[in-house]
Amino acid sequence: MSGAIADAKRGNARPHLAFMVRFFTVLAAGEVAYHGLWRPHPGFVSYLETLAGSAAAVLRLLGEQVVAHGNLVAGHRFAFSIVTDCDAVDAIIVFIAGVLAFPCGRTLRLLGAGIGAAALAAVNLFRIVSLYYIGVHWPNSFDLFHEGIWQPAMILLSFGLWFVFVRISFRRRT
């Protein structure tokens, strides 16, 4: 039985408290770096433009006649801009904070963080593409899906991926 699990069954909350302190420390550092250093940086605009270009490329593969101009994805049927908070970085930071705070080997943490971040980025690209189609077919629902459904779903997905990571970590221990 894992030490953390045995401690929890005996009522020792120290490992859990240590995890929470590490999690919130990494989360705070990630959010400060993102909001204070990365978003004001000119490279952030390039990142948003790359997201727009990637979404436009996927949409063209799906038969849509769209182009990307900077952070704008535009077609004959709908156009929208990739702006701050369309980047999935907050969800990725939450996931990485959970992975890096979890008590397991460094290699597993780094591998988990990389794979999970890539998975969240891929889902975010799917999200952006789906928002184009929502804008085409249900334009009045665009804001609902963008802010009310997809953004919370991305955070929930980051926690779900973290639970998968934890499960894999425990399997490797036993």
Foldseek 3Di string as FASTA:
>chain_A
DDPVVVCVVVVNCVLVVQLVVQLVVLLVVLVCCCVVPPVVDPVNQVLLQVLLQLLLVVVVVVVFPWHGDRQWIDGPQDIDGRDPPLQLSNLLSNLLSNLVSDPFDPVLSVVLSVVLSVVLRVVSSVLVNVLRVCCRPPVVCSCCCVPVNVSVVSNVVSVVSSVVSVVVRVVVVD
